[in-house]
Amino acid sequence: MTDFAIFWDWLSFAVRWLHVITGIAWIGSSFYFVALDLGLRQRPGLPAGAFGEEWQVHGGGFYHIQKYLVAPAEMPEHLTWFKWESYATWLSGFAMLCVVYYAGADLFLIDPNVLNISVPVGILLSLATIGVGWIVYDLLCRSPLGKSDTGLMLVLYCVLVFIAWGLTHLFTGRAAFLHLGAITATIMSANVFMVIIPNQKIVVADLIAGRKPDPKYGKIAKQRSLHNNYLTLPVLFLMLSNHYPLAFGTQFNWVIASLVFIIGVLIRHYFNTVHARKGNPTWTWLGAAVLFMIIIWLSTVPKVLTGEPKTSAASAAAQVYIASAHFPAVRDTVLGRCSMCHTEEPVYEGIYHAPKGVLLDTDERIAEHAREIYIQAGRAHAMPPANVSHITDQERALLVAWFEGAGK
C-alpha cells in the first residue's frame, strides 16, 4: 500500500506535467493563429482567393504568410493540421480528473454536506455534467440563435453562470470549479474534434475532387474558434484555482467563477483589438481590475470557508488510521506541528486561511488526510515549509510508521 501511495503521487505529478505541456502547445498555437488572423493585411495583387497576408520575423528569418478564407485554387502539396495539441490536452486533463478526483472522490469530489451520494454516483454525475455541457452548447450554436455571434455569446454566458451555480450544489467547491473548467475545456476540444477539423476536411475533400468548397464550413469553424479564443483564460483560472481555497471554498464561489469569465473576455478583447490594429482599449484592464477587486471582496463575505465538512464521521478508510496504535502520538504531532496553519482560524502570523483548504484540527480530518500527511511530512520534508514548526526526524518516522502500519 505504501509503495502504491508513492507511485500514485508520482503518477498524479506525471499526468499533471503532461497536461501542462500539451496545454501550452494548444494554447500557444491558438493564441498565435488568432493574432495572425487579426493582423492580416489586404493589398492589391494578392493571389486569387487570398484574404490577406502578413510578414513576420522570428529566429533570424522572415516568414511570409497568406490566408485563404475558403481554400486556394489547388490542394497544397504539404498541409499541416493543428489538432493533436487539443486532443492531447483533453485526454491528459481527463486522466488527471480520474487520478485526482475519481480515485480520491471521498475527499475531493463528494461533500456530504452538499449532496450525500456514493462514490460511483458522484463519478457518474461528474461524467454526465461534462457530456451535457457540450450537448447544450452545441445545440445552441446550431440553433437560429447561432446566427448572431453577440446574442449567442450572451446566452452562452448565462448558461455558464447557471452551470457554475448548479455545480456548487453537486460537488465540493474545489470539484465544482474543476468541473466548470472541464466542461469549458471539453467544449473547446470538442469544437476542434467535432466541428473545426471535420469542416476543414470537407473543404479539403472538395479541393481534391475539383469542386468549389462551400464557404459556410469556414464560417462555422471560425465562430467556434472565436469561442475557444475567449474561453481559454477562464479555463486556465479554473484549473489553477484548486490551489486557492479563497476562490473555490467560499459561499459566493459560483459568482466568483462567473466574474472570471468576464475578466477573461475583457483581457482577450484587449489583445484581439491590438492585434487587429483597431486601437488600444486600455479600459479593459481597468474593468478587469475592478472585477478582480470585487472577487477579492466576495471571497471574504462572509468569512466562512465551505470547502469540506466541518463535522462529519470519518470514512471507512479513515477509520483504519484512527484505529492505529500510533494514532494518539500522530494526533499530538499533527496538532502541535501543523494545526497552527491547518485549522479553521490559523494562528500563524500571515496565514489567514488554511493552505489549500486542508484542515487538520480533528481526528477525522487528520485521518482523512493520512496519505497527504505521509507524503508531505513523512516521506518528503515539504511540510511544514522550511520546517518552521521544528518537526523532528523521530516525528517524521512516526508519521511513516503510522501510515505504513495502518490496518496490519
Protein backbone atom coordinates (compact mmCIF):
# COMPACT_ATOMS: atom_id res chain seq x y z
CA MET A 1 0.00 0.00 0.00
CA THR A 2 2.79 2.41 0.86
CA ASP A 3 4.63 1.79 -2.41
CA PHE A 4 1.34 2.29 -4.23
CA ALA A 5 0.74 5.62 -2.47
CA ILE A 6 4.16 6.89 -3.61
CA PHE A 7 3.59 5.56 -7.13
CA TRP A 8 0.16 7.21 -7.26
CA ASP A 9 1.58 10.55 -6.17
CA TRP A 10 4.20 10.38 -8.92
CA LEU A 11 1.53 9.29 -11.41
CA SER A 12 -0.51 12.36 -10.47
CA PHE A 13 2.57 14.54 -10.98
CA ALA A 14 3.35 12.93 -14.36
CA VAL A 15 -0.21 13.33 -15.65
CA ARG A 16 -0.32 16.94 -14.44
CA TRP A 17 3.02 17.66 -16.14
CA LEU A 18 1.77 16.11 -19.38
CA HIS A 19 -1.40 18.20 -19.15
CA VAL A 20 0.63 21.38 -18.72
CA ILE A 21 2.91 20.50 -21.66
CA THR A 22 0.05 19.74 -24.03
CA GLY A 23 -1.92 22.73 -22.76
CA ILE A 24 0.98 25.07 -23.50
CA ALA A 25 1.22 23.62 -27.03
CA TRP A 26 -2.51 24.05 -27.68
CA ILE A 27 -2.93 27.48 -26.11
CA GLY A 28 0.28 28.73 -27.67
CA SER A 29 -0.71 27.72 -31.20
CA SER A 30 -4.25 29.02 -30.64
CA PHE A 31 -3.08 32.43 -29.46
CA TYR A 32 -0.59 32.63 -32.31
CA PHE A 33 -3.16 31.92 -35.02
CA VAL A 34 -5.68 34.34 -33.53
CA ALA A 35 -3.05 37.09 -33.52
CA LEU A 36 -2.01 36.12 -37.05
CA ASP A 37 -5.59 36.13 -38.32
CA LEU A 38 -6.34 39.53 -36.80
CA GLY A 39 -3.10 41.01 -38.14
CA LEU A 40 -3.63 40.07 -41.79
CA ARG A 41 -3.39 42.92 -44.27
CA GLN A 42 -5.01 43.22 -47.66
CA ARG A 43 -3.19 44.67 -50.65
CA PRO A 44 -3.59 44.75 -54.41
CA GLY A 45 -2.01 41.84 -56.22
CA LEU A 46 -2.79 39.08 -53.73
CA PRO A 47 -3.38 35.65 -55.32
CA ALA A 48 -6.97 34.85 -56.27
CA GLY A 49 -8.95 33.82 -53.20
CA ALA A 50 -6.38 35.16 -50.72
CA PHE A 51 -7.94 37.26 -47.96
CA GLY A 52 -4.77 38.83 -46.60
CA GLU A 53 -1.12 38.40 -45.78
CA GLU A 54 1.41 39.18 -43.10
CA TRP A 55 5.18 39.34 -42.87
CA GLN A 56 6.79 38.21 -39.62
CA VAL A 57 10.33 37.96 -38.36
CA HIS A 58 11.50 35.35 -35.87
CA GLY A 59 14.52 33.19 -35.20
CA GLY A 60 16.76 35.05 -37.61
CA GLY A 61 14.47 34.71 -40.61
CA PHE A 62 11.40 36.18 -42.30
CA TYR A 63 8.03 34.49 -42.80
CA HIS A 64 5.50 35.41 -45.50
CA ILE A 65 2.03 34.11 -44.64
CA GLN A 66 -1.16 34.31 -46.70
CA LYS A 67 -4.67 33.24 -45.69
CA TYR A 68 -7.47 31.90 -47.88
CA LEU A 69 -10.93 32.29 -46.35
CA VAL A 70 -12.31 29.29 -48.19
CA ALA A 71 -9.47 27.47 -49.93
CA PRO A 72 -6.73 28.00 -52.52
CA ALA A 73 -7.39 27.08 -56.14
CA GLU A 74 -5.39 23.85 -55.78
CA MET A 75 -4.65 21.46 -52.96
CA PRO A 76 -1.23 22.28 -51.42
CA GLU A 77 1.40 19.58 -51.66
CA HIS A 78 2.05 19.72 -47.91
CA LEU A 79 -0.62 20.62 -45.34
CA THR A 80 -0.05 20.83 -41.56
CA TRP A 81 -3.02 20.12 -39.33
CA PHE A 82 -3.27 21.66 -35.86
CA LYS A 83 -5.41 19.26 -33.88
CA TRP A 84 -3.32 16.88 -31.79
CA GLU A 85 -2.47 19.62 -29.30
CA SER A 86 -6.17 19.94 -28.48
CA TYR A 87 -6.83 16.20 -28.27
CA ALA A 88 -3.77 15.51 -26.11
CA THR A 89 -4.70 18.34 -23.74
CA TRP A 90 -8.21 16.99 -23.23
CA LEU A 91 -7.09 13.38 -22.83
CA SER A 92 -4.40 14.27 -20.29
CA GLY A 93 -6.86 16.50 -18.45
CA PHE A 94 -9.41 13.70 -18.24
CA ALA A 95 -6.67 11.36 -16.99
CA MET A 96 -5.88 13.87 -14.24
CA LEU A 97 -9.58 14.07 -13.37
CA CYS A 98 -9.59 10.29 -12.92
CA VAL A 99 -6.35 10.16 -10.91
CA VAL A 100 -7.16 13.03 -8.54
CA TYR A 101 -10.94 13.40 -8.31
CA TYR A 102 -12.29 9.95 -9.10
CA ALA A 103 -9.65 7.99 -7.19
CA GLY A 104 -9.93 10.48 -4.30
CA ALA A 105 -13.67 11.06 -4.60
CA ASP A 106 -14.34 10.81 -0.85
CA LEU A 107 -12.02 13.74 -0.20
CA PHE A 108 -12.01 15.89 -3.33
CA LEU A 109 -15.25 15.22 -5.22
CA ILE A 110 -18.06 14.48 -2.78
CA ASP A 111 -19.14 16.67 0.12
CA PRO A 112 -21.95 15.03 2.18
CA ASN A 113 -22.96 18.47 3.42
CA VAL A 114 -23.66 19.48 -0.18
CA LEU A 115 -25.04 16.24 -1.65
CA ASN A 116 -24.78 12.94 0.19
CA ILE A 117 -24.11 10.45 -2.61
CA SER A 118 -21.94 7.38 -3.10
CA VAL A 119 -18.65 7.44 -4.99
CA PRO A 120 -20.00 5.65 -8.12
CA VAL A 121 -22.94 8.06 -8.28
CA GLY A 122 -20.60 11.02 -7.86
CA ILE A 123 -18.39 9.84 -10.72
CA LEU A 124 -21.39 9.21 -13.00
CA LEU A 125 -22.74 12.65 -12.11
CA SER A 126 -19.35 14.14 -12.97
CA LEU A 127 -19.27 12.47 -16.38
CA ALA A 128 -22.87 13.50 -17.05
CA THR A 129 -22.25 17.18 -16.33
CA ILE A 130 -19.30 17.22 -18.75
CA GLY A 131 -21.26 15.50 -21.51
CA VAL A 132 -24.45 17.51 -21.06
CA GLY A 133 -22.45 20.75 -21.05
CA TRP A 134 -21.17 20.05 -24.56
CA ILE A 135 -24.59 18.93 -25.86
CA VAL A 136 -26.33 22.09 -24.63
CA TYR A 137 -23.60 24.31 -26.08
CA ASP A 138 -23.62 22.55 -29.46
CA LEU A 139 -27.41 22.71 -29.75
CA LEU A 140 -27.37 26.44 -29.03
CA CYS A 141 -24.71 27.01 -31.68
CA ARG A 142 -26.70 25.04 -34.27
CA SER A 143 -29.97 26.80 -33.38
CA PRO A 144 -31.17 30.01 -35.10
CA LEU A 145 -29.52 31.88 -32.22
CA GLY A 146 -26.17 30.77 -33.64
CA LYS A 147 -26.56 33.25 -36.50
CA SER A 148 -25.89 36.11 -34.06
CA ASP A 149 -22.40 35.96 -32.56
CA THR A 150 -23.21 38.54 -29.87
CA GLY A 151 -26.60 37.10 -28.95
CA LEU A 152 -25.20 33.58 -28.83
CA MET A 153 -22.32 34.56 -26.55
CA LEU A 154 -24.67 36.37 -24.14
CA VAL A 155 -26.93 33.33 -23.88
CA LEU A 156 -23.93 31.03 -23.50
CA TYR A 157 -22.65 33.20 -20.66
CA CYS A 158 -25.99 32.90 -18.85
CA VAL A 159 -25.81 29.13 -19.30
CA LEU A 160 -22.29 29.08 -17.83
CA VAL A 161 -23.46 31.10 -14.82
CA PHE A 162 -26.27 28.60 -14.24
CA ILE A 163 -23.82 25.69 -14.57
CA ALA A 164 -21.46 27.33 -12.07
CA TRP A 165 -24.30 27.71 -9.57
CA GLY A 166 -25.53 24.17 -10.17
CA LEU A 167 -22.13 22.53 -9.74
CA THR A 168 -21.72 24.06 -6.28
CA HIS A 169 -24.87 22.15 -5.30
CA LEU A 170 -23.43 18.84 -6.51
CA PHE A 171 -19.77 18.71 -5.52
CA THR A 172 -17.18 20.22 -3.19
CA GLY A 173 -16.23 23.80 -4.02
CA ARG A 174 -12.89 22.63 -5.37
CA ALA A 175 -14.51 20.00 -7.60
CA ALA A 176 -17.19 22.48 -8.75
CA PHE A 177 -14.53 24.84 -10.09
CA LEU A 178 -12.60 21.98 -11.65
CA HIS A 179 -15.73 20.67 -13.37
CA LEU A 180 -16.68 24.10 -14.67
CA GLY A 181 -13.21 24.24 -16.19
CA ALA A 182 -13.55 20.68 -17.51
CA ILE A 183 -16.92 21.44 -19.13
CA THR A 184 -15.50 24.55 -20.77
CA ALA A 185 -12.35 22.72 -21.90
CA THR A 186 -14.48 19.89 -23.30
CA ILE A 187 -16.47 22.44 -25.30
CA MET A 188 -13.23 23.85 -26.68
CA SER A 189 -11.70 20.49 -27.58
CA ALA A 190 -14.97 19.14 -28.97
CA ASN A 191 -15.20 22.25 -31.14
CA VAL A 192 -11.92 21.19 -32.70
CA PHE A 193 -12.77 17.47 -32.92
CA MET A 194 -16.46 17.69 -33.85
CA VAL A 195 -16.68 20.89 -35.91
CA ILE A 196 -13.49 22.68 -36.93
CA ILE A 197 -11.45 19.71 -38.21
CA PRO A 198 -14.42 17.93 -39.90
CA ASN A 199 -15.33 21.17 -41.68
CA GLN A 200 -11.76 21.60 -42.85
CA LYS A 201 -11.73 18.01 -44.09
CA ILE A 202 -14.86 18.69 -46.15
CA VAL A 203 -13.10 21.65 -47.77
CA VAL A 204 -10.01 19.54 -48.49
CA ALA A 205 -12.15 16.76 -49.98
CA ASP A 206 -13.87 19.28 -52.26
CA LEU A 207 -10.49 20.58 -53.45
CA ILE A 208 -9.24 17.09 -54.20
CA ALA A 209 -12.44 16.32 -56.12
CA GLY A 210 -12.17 19.56 -58.09
CA ARG A 211 -15.27 21.08 -56.52
CA LYS A 212 -15.59 24.64 -55.21
CA PRO A 213 -15.79 24.46 -51.38
CA ASP A 214 -18.83 25.92 -49.65
CA PRO A 215 -17.78 28.99 -47.59
CA LYS A 216 -20.29 28.11 -44.85
CA TYR A 217 -17.92 25.49 -43.42
CA GLY A 218 -15.20 28.05 -42.86
CA LYS A 219 -17.69 30.48 -41.30
CA ILE A 220 -18.94 27.88 -38.82
CA ALA A 221 -15.40 26.83 -37.92
CA LYS A 222 -14.37 30.45 -37.38
CA GLN A 223 -17.27 31.01 -34.96
CA ARG A 224 -16.24 28.00 -32.87
CA SER A 225 -12.62 29.14 -32.99
CA LEU A 226 -13.72 32.57 -31.72
CA HIS A 227 -15.46 30.92 -28.76
CA ASN A 228 -12.32 28.92 -27.98
CA ASN A 229 -10.29 32.13 -28.06
CA TYR A 230 -12.44 33.82 -25.41
CA LEU A 231 -12.81 30.74 -23.20
CA THR A 232 -9.09 30.00 -22.83
CA LEU A 233 -8.21 32.39 -20.00
CA PRO A 234 -11.17 31.46 -17.76
CA VAL A 235 -10.27 27.78 -18.17
CA LEU A 236 -6.71 28.50 -17.04
CA PHE A 237 -8.02 30.30 -13.94
CA LEU A 238 -10.39 27.46 -13.07
CA MET A 239 -7.69 24.83 -13.47
CA LEU A 240 -5.30 26.76 -11.22
CA SER A 241 -7.99 27.60 -8.65
CA ASN A 242 -7.65 24.27 -6.80
CA HIS A 243 -4.55 25.75 -5.15
CA TYR A 244 -6.51 28.74 -3.78
CA PRO A 245 -9.37 27.99 -1.35
CA LEU A 246 -10.43 31.65 -1.29
CA ALA A 247 -11.59 31.13 -4.88
CA PHE A 248 -13.38 27.79 -4.65
CA GLY A 249 -14.13 27.41 -0.94
CA THR A 250 -16.30 30.44 -0.22
CA GLN A 251 -20.06 30.95 -0.15
CA PHE A 252 -20.09 33.01 -3.35
CA ASN A 253 -17.71 30.79 -5.31
CA TRP A 254 -20.13 30.44 -8.23
CA VAL A 255 -20.34 34.25 -8.52
CA ILE A 256 -16.53 34.42 -8.49
CA ALA A 257 -16.38 31.86 -11.30
CA SER A 258 -18.94 33.84 -13.30
CA LEU A 259 -16.93 37.06 -12.97
CA VAL A 260 -13.76 35.25 -14.03
CA PHE A 261 -15.36 34.58 -17.43
CA ILE A 262 -15.97 38.31 -17.90
CA ILE A 263 -12.39 39.12 -16.89
CA GLY A 264 -11.10 36.59 -19.42
CA VAL A 265 -13.22 38.12 -22.17
CA LEU A 266 -12.01 41.63 -21.32
CA ILE A 267 -8.34 40.60 -21.45
CA ARG A 268 -8.76 38.70 -24.73
CA HIS A 269 -10.69 41.66 -26.19
CA TYR A 270 -7.70 43.89 -25.45
CA PHE A 271 -5.21 41.63 -27.20
CA ASN A 272 -7.56 40.90 -30.10
CA THR A 273 -8.13 44.61 -30.67
CA VAL A 274 -4.40 45.40 -30.57
CA HIS A 275 -3.55 42.50 -32.91
CA ALA A 276 -6.22 43.74 -35.32
CA ARG A 277 -4.67 47.22 -35.20
CA LYS A 278 -8.00 48.72 -34.13
CA GLY A 279 -6.76 50.73 -31.18
CA ASN A 280 -5.51 50.27 -27.65
CA PRO A 281 -8.53 49.68 -25.36
CA THR A 282 -6.75 50.04 -22.03
CA TRP A 283 -10.15 50.40 -20.35
CA THR A 284 -10.41 46.62 -20.45
CA TRP A 285 -7.59 46.33 -17.90
CA LEU A 286 -9.36 48.77 -15.59
CA GLY A 287 -12.56 46.77 -15.92
CA ALA A 288 -10.69 43.53 -15.21
CA ALA A 289 -9.03 45.09 -12.14
CA VAL A 290 -12.36 46.31 -10.75
CA LEU A 291 -13.94 42.88 -11.21
CA PHE A 292 -10.93 41.25 -9.56
CA MET A 293 -11.32 43.54 -6.54
CA ILE A 294 -14.98 42.50 -6.35
CA ILE A 295 -13.84 38.86 -6.40
CA ILE A 296 -11.46 39.53 -3.51
CA TRP A 297 -14.32 41.11 -1.55
CA LEU A 298 -16.71 38.25 -2.34
CA SER A 299 -14.16 35.70 -1.12
CA THR A 300 -14.33 37.11 2.42
CA VAL A 301 -18.04 37.98 2.75
CA PRO A 302 -18.96 36.17 4.85
CA LYS A 303 -15.62 34.87 6.12
CA VAL A 304 -16.69 31.23 6.16
CA LEU A 305 -14.85 28.64 4.09
CA THR A 306 -17.02 25.76 2.94
CA GLY A 307 -14.53 23.53 1.17
CA GLU A 308 -15.08 20.38 3.25
CA PRO A 309 -17.41 19.24 6.05
CA LYS A 310 -16.83 20.91 9.40
CA THR A 311 -18.15 18.00 11.42
CA SER A 312 -18.66 14.59 9.90
CA ALA A 313 -17.90 11.00 10.66
CA ALA A 314 -14.68 9.60 9.28
CA SER A 315 -14.95 7.40 6.21
CA ALA A 316 -14.31 3.66 6.44
CA ALA A 317 -10.82 4.18 5.01
CA ALA A 318 -10.05 6.89 7.57
CA GLN A 319 -11.27 4.73 10.47
CA VAL A 320 -8.34 2.39 9.81
CA TYR A 321 -5.88 5.18 10.58
CA ILE A 322 -7.76 6.29 13.69
CA ALA A 323 -7.69 2.70 14.98
CA SER A 324 -3.90 2.50 14.65
CA ALA A 325 -1.91 2.22 17.88
CA HIS A 326 0.25 5.08 16.59
CA PHE A 327 -2.68 7.46 16.16
CA PRO A 328 -2.64 9.17 19.60
CA ALA A 329 1.03 10.12 19.11
CA VAL A 330 0.38 11.11 15.50
CA ARG A 331 -2.53 13.31 16.55
CA ASP A 332 -0.37 15.07 19.11
CA THR A 333 2.34 15.60 16.49
CA VAL A 334 -0.04 16.97 13.85
CA LEU A 335 -1.87 19.21 16.30
CA GLY A 336 1.42 20.52 17.65
CA ARG A 337 3.26 20.94 14.33
CA CYS A 338 0.55 21.55 11.71
CA SER A 339 -2.67 22.89 13.21
CA MET A 340 -1.38 26.43 13.70
CA CYS A 341 -1.99 26.81 9.96
CA HIS A 342 -4.32 23.93 9.05
CA THR A 343 -7.26 24.93 11.21
CA GLU A 344 -10.47 26.95 10.94
CA GLU A 345 -8.74 30.02 12.38
CA PRO A 346 -4.96 29.82 11.81
CA VAL A 347 -2.78 31.45 14.45
CA TYR A 348 0.49 31.52 12.48
CA GLU A 349 1.38 35.08 11.54
CA GLY A 350 0.48 35.94 7.96
CA ILE A 351 -1.77 32.87 7.48
CA TYR A 352 -5.45 33.77 7.45
CA HIS A 353 -6.96 30.66 5.88
CA ALA A 354 -5.84 27.04 5.91
CA PRO A 355 -3.46 26.44 2.97
CA LYS A 356 -5.35 24.74 0.10
CA GLY A 357 -8.31 24.41 2.45
CA VAL A 358 -6.71 21.43 4.24
CA LEU A 359 -7.87 21.26 7.88
CA LEU A 360 -6.01 19.04 10.36
CA ASP A 361 -7.60 20.01 13.66
CA THR A 362 -9.77 16.95 14.41
CA ASP A 363 -9.23 13.20 14.50
CA GLU A 364 -11.44 12.74 11.44
CA ARG A 365 -9.66 15.37 9.37
CA ILE A 366 -6.22 14.04 10.26
CA ALA A 367 -7.25 10.52 9.27
CA GLU A 368 -8.90 11.64 6.02
CA HIS A 369 -5.63 13.35 5.01
CA ALA A 370 -3.42 10.43 6.07
CA ARG A 371 -1.89 9.90 2.64
CA GLU A 372 -1.11 13.60 2.18
CA ILE A 373 0.47 13.77 5.65
CA TYR A 374 2.52 10.65 4.88
CA ILE A 375 3.77 12.02 1.55
CA GLN A 376 4.24 15.68 2.52
CA ALA A 377 5.64 15.36 6.06
CA GLY A 378 6.72 11.74 6.32
CA ARG A 379 8.43 10.62 3.15
CA ALA A 380 9.17 14.17 1.96
CA HIS A 381 10.08 17.16 4.09
CA ALA A 382 7.86 19.60 2.19
CA MET A 383 5.72 20.24 5.25
CA PRO A 384 5.92 22.26 7.34
CA PRO A 385 7.54 24.79 4.91
CA ALA A 386 11.14 25.40 5.93
CA ASN A 387 10.29 23.25 8.97
CA VAL A 388 9.00 26.35 10.74
CA SER A 389 7.35 24.27 13.48
CA HIS A 390 10.56 22.25 14.05
CA ILE A 391 9.15 18.79 13.43
CA THR A 392 11.82 16.23 14.34
CA ASP A 393 13.12 13.25 12.37
CA GLN A 394 11.60 10.98 15.02
CA GLU A 395 8.19 12.57 14.48
CA ARG A 396 8.50 12.15 10.72
CA ALA A 397 9.41 8.49 11.27
CA LEU A 398 6.29 8.18 13.42
CA LEU A 399 4.10 9.50 10.59
CA VAL A 400 5.66 6.96 8.21
CA ALA A 401 5.16 4.08 10.66
CA TRP A 402 1.55 5.14 11.26
CA PHE A 403 0.60 5.19 7.59
CA GLU A 404 2.54 2.12 6.57
CA GLY A 405 1.35 0.08 9.55
CA ALA A 406 -2.33 1.03 9.43
CA GLY A 407 -4.61 -1.98 9.05
CA LYS A 408 -1.86 -4.52 9.67
